[in-house]
Protein backbone atom coordinates (compact mmCIF):
# COMPACT_ATOMS: atom_id res chain seq x y z
CA UNK A 1 118.29 74.75 110.48
CA UNK A 2 121.15 73.18 108.85
CA UNK A 3 123.21 75.09 106.22
CA UNK A 4 124.20 73.35 103.04
CA UNK A 5 127.65 74.05 101.59
CA UNK A 6 127.40 75.31 97.93
CA UNK A 7 129.99 75.39 95.22
CA UNK A 8 130.46 78.96 94.34
CA UNK A 9 131.78 78.42 90.81
CA UNK A 10 128.61 76.49 89.91
CA UNK A 11 125.95 79.00 91.21
CA UNK A 12 123.92 81.25 89.14
CA UNK A 13 121.61 84.41 90.01
CA UNK A 14 118.49 81.92 90.21
CA UNK A 15 116.88 81.74 93.55
CA UNK A 16 117.95 78.88 95.69
CA UNK A 17 115.13 75.95 95.90
CA UNK A 18 115.18 73.11 98.46
CA UNK A 19 115.94 69.94 96.25
CA UNK A 20 113.10 68.13 97.92
CA UNK A 21 110.59 70.61 96.56
CA UNK A 22 108.79 69.28 93.64
CA UNK A 23 106.88 71.12 90.78
CA UNK A 24 103.71 69.94 92.32
CA UNK A 25 104.51 71.69 95.53
CA UNK A 26 105.45 74.90 93.86
CA UNK A 27 102.17 74.74 91.82
CA UNK A 28 100.26 74.25 95.07
CA UNK A 29 102.01 77.02 96.76
CA UNK A 30 101.31 79.37 94.03
CA UNK A 31 97.54 78.44 94.14
CA UNK A 32 97.55 79.15 97.97
CA UNK A 33 99.11 82.55 97.41
CA UNK A 34 96.79 83.37 94.47
CA UNK A 35 93.77 82.51 96.64
CA UNK A 36 94.83 84.67 99.66
CA UNK A 37 95.64 87.66 97.53
CA UNK A 38 92.22 87.40 95.86
CA UNK A 39 90.53 87.32 99.25
CA UNK A 40 92.33 90.26 100.70
CA UNK A 41 91.46 92.41 97.52
CA UNK A 42 88.01 91.06 96.97
CA UNK A 43 86.43 89.50 99.92
CA UNK A 44 87.98 91.09 103.07
CA UNK A 45 88.34 94.64 101.64
CA UNK A 46 85.18 96.47 102.75
CA UNK A 47 83.03 97.59 99.57
CA UNK A 48 84.84 95.31 97.16
CA UNK A 49 82.50 92.35 97.30
CA UNK A 50 82.35 89.48 94.76
CA UNK A 51 78.45 89.72 94.57
CA UNK A 52 76.01 92.40 93.52
CA UNK A 53 72.42 93.53 93.87
CA UNK A 54 70.16 96.21 92.85
CA UNK A 55 68.93 98.21 95.94
CA UNK A 56 66.39 101.11 95.51
CA UNK A 57 67.48 101.49 91.98
CA UNK A 58 71.22 101.64 92.56
CA UNK A 59 73.88 98.89 91.97
CA UNK A 60 75.38 97.71 95.32
CA UNK A 61 79.03 98.49 94.26
CA UNK A 62 78.18 102.27 94.34
CA UNK A 63 77.24 102.27 98.06
CA UNK A 64 78.38 99.16 100.02
CA UNK A 65 81.65 101.00 101.18
CA UNK A 66 79.21 103.39 102.87
CA UNK A 67 77.56 100.69 104.98
CA UNK A 68 78.48 99.35 108.29
CA UNK A 69 80.84 96.48 107.82
CA UNK A 70 81.82 93.66 110.36
CA UNK A 71 83.75 90.44 110.04
CA UNK A 72 83.93 87.47 112.30
CA UNK A 73 86.05 84.41 112.02
CA UNK A 74 85.78 80.81 113.64
CA UNK A 75 86.69 77.24 112.82
CA UNK A 76 83.92 74.89 111.76
CA UNK A 77 85.90 71.76 112.07
CA UNK A 78 89.52 70.46 111.54
CA UNK A 79 89.74 71.40 107.86
CA UNK A 80 87.13 74.42 107.48
CA UNK A 81 87.16 78.01 108.65
CA UNK A 82 84.34 80.32 108.15
CA UNK A 83 84.44 84.16 108.02
CA UNK A 84 81.19 86.01 108.06
CA UNK A 85 81.13 89.37 106.37
CA UNK A 86 78.23 91.47 107.26
CA UNK A 87 77.24 94.80 105.49
CA UNK A 88 74.48 96.74 107.22
CA UNK A 89 72.37 99.63 105.97
CA UNK A 90 71.95 101.67 109.26
CA UNK A 91 69.16 103.57 107.61
CA UNK A 92 66.87 100.59 106.90
CA UNK A 93 68.35 97.64 108.96
CA UNK A 94 68.99 95.57 105.76
CA UNK A 95 71.75 93.05 106.48
CA UNK A 96 73.68 91.51 103.72
CA UNK A 97 75.48 88.54 105.06
CA UNK A 98 78.48 86.70 103.13
CA UNK A 99 79.37 83.41 104.78
CA UNK A 100 82.86 82.33 103.44
CA UNK A 101 84.41 79.13 104.01
CA UNK A 102 87.93 78.29 103.51
CA UNK A 103 89.78 74.91 103.69
CA UNK A 104 93.25 73.90 105.19
CA UNK A 105 93.44 70.90 102.77
CA UNK A 106 93.11 72.62 99.59
CA UNK A 107 93.25 76.25 98.07
CA UNK A 108 89.48 76.90 97.56
CA UNK A 109 87.01 79.52 98.85
CA UNK A 110 83.29 79.31 98.70
CA UNK A 111 80.53 81.66 99.98
CA UNK A 112 76.77 81.96 100.60
CA UNK A 113 75.13 85.17 100.35
CA UNK A 114 72.06 85.81 102.77
CA UNK A 115 69.94 89.02 103.01
CA UNK A 116 67.79 89.78 106.08
CA UNK A 117 65.65 92.90 106.98
CA UNK A 118 66.44 93.49 110.62
CA UNK A 119 64.56 96.75 110.75
CA UNK A 120 60.97 97.77 111.45
CA UNK A 121 59.80 98.58 108.05
CA UNK A 122 59.95 97.24 104.55
CA UNK A 123 63.19 97.84 102.84
CA UNK A 124 63.37 99.61 99.47
CA UNK A 125 63.02 97.00 96.32
CA UNK A 126 65.98 94.59 96.02
CA UNK A 127 66.43 92.94 92.73
CA UNK A 128 69.06 91.32 90.41
CA UNK A 129 70.87 89.41 93.16
CA UNK A 130 74.05 88.12 91.73
CA UNK A 131 75.66 85.77 94.27
CA UNK A 132 78.85 85.82 92.06
CA UNK A 133 79.80 89.02 90.22
CA UNK A 134 83.55 89.30 90.16
CA UNK A 135 86.59 89.41 88.01
CA UNK A 136 89.36 86.86 87.91
CA UNK A 137 92.70 87.78 86.43
CA UNK A 138 94.91 85.02 84.92
CA UNK A 139 97.77 84.71 82.35
CA UNK A 140 96.50 85.19 78.80
CA UNK A 141 95.03 81.89 77.75
CA UNK A 142 92.06 80.18 76.29
CA UNK A 143 89.59 79.43 79.04
CA UNK A 144 86.85 76.75 79.12
CA UNK A 145 83.46 77.04 80.42
CA UNK A 146 82.02 73.77 81.50
CA UNK A 147 78.09 73.64 82.07
CA UNK A 148 75.04 71.55 81.35
CA UNK A 149 72.19 72.24 79.01
CA UNK A 150 68.74 72.74 80.43
CA UNK A 151 65.42 71.42 79.38
CA UNK A 152 63.86 72.99 76.18
CA UNK A 153 60.72 75.04 76.76
CA UNK A 154 57.63 72.82 76.82
CA UNK A 155 56.76 69.41 78.28
CA UNK A 156 58.57 67.01 75.97
CA UNK A 157 62.04 65.63 76.93
CA UNK A 158 64.83 65.71 74.63
CA UNK A 159 67.89 63.69 74.05
CA UNK A 160 70.13 66.62 74.78
CA UNK A 161 68.47 67.56 78.09
CA UNK A 162 71.13 67.96 80.94
CA UNK A 163 74.05 67.12 78.54
CA UNK A 164 77.39 68.28 79.57
CA UNK A 165 78.78 70.95 77.29
CA UNK A 166 82.08 72.80 76.94
CA UNK A 167 82.38 76.36 75.47
CA UNK A 168 85.80 77.64 74.64
CA UNK A 169 86.48 81.24 75.61
CA UNK A 170 89.50 83.02 73.76
CA UNK A 171 90.87 86.13 75.19
CA UNK A 172 88.41 89.08 74.69
CA UNK A 173 85.36 86.81 73.94
CA UNK A 174 82.17 86.61 75.70
CA UNK A 175 79.33 83.99 76.21
CA UNK A 176 76.11 84.49 77.82
CA UNK A 177 73.98 81.50 79.40
CA UNK A 178 70.55 81.72 81.35
CA UNK A 179 67.43 79.93 82.19
CA UNK A 180 63.92 80.96 81.26
CA UNK A 181 61.12 82.17 83.05
CA UNK A 182 62.64 81.90 86.67
CA UNK A 183 62.80 78.18 86.28
CA UNK A 184 66.31 76.96 86.77
CA UNK A 185 66.21 73.92 84.44
CA UNK A 186 64.51 75.45 81.48
CA UNK A 187 66.70 77.23 78.74
CA UNK A 188 70.18 76.86 77.45
CA UNK A 189 71.86 76.18 80.72
CA UNK A 190 71.41 74.91 84.22
CA UNK A 191 72.53 77.52 86.91
CA UNK A 192 75.73 75.70 87.65
CA UNK A 193 79.02 76.02 85.78
CA UNK A 194 82.76 75.81 86.17
CA UNK A 195 85.10 78.32 84.32
CA UNK A 196 88.57 76.77 83.96
CA UNK A 197 91.50 78.94 83.13
CA UNK A 198 95.22 78.24 83.22
CA UNK A 199 95.70 78.90 87.00
CA UNK A 200 92.17 79.59 88.28
CA UNK A 201 88.81 77.94 88.51
CA UNK A 202 85.49 79.43 89.33
CA UNK A 203 82.43 77.25 90.04
């Protein structure tokens, strides 16, 4: 490693930075750091899952930390790594499997939630499965929710069906979107959206 001579009369208390480092590099580095911190605190810590469900009348956040927890990690290809997080109810054999994929070429994380009864008998009732149920922290700012409208109830097509929409979300505000009658395309919104804040995005 080479050492660069510095004029002590022109230095400040600011941290030194490689002059070849651009603002884009710094922004990308911050994104990677933010993603890894979120994963460690939310995905990889047993019991702090970014999903939820009701099991035998109880919310999963109240008991997942008491279930058996295992994790495996393997590369899928040159740019993708998969981690499988498995929660198991040793009493009934219910397995909740969270398949997490990260990428070496951009700071993003995605996951798929799967449930399996590996026991001999029926499990208690499972309901209200939320594949994404988490909290994102960011600098105070106005966020934007990008989504698409669904189809109005009935058989007649409308000019606004599936139109892209954007909802501004100032601090301390809320906004509810949902489909109707269990049909993904009926209602005010399709079941796909992207929340964009100053430094984070959630799809």
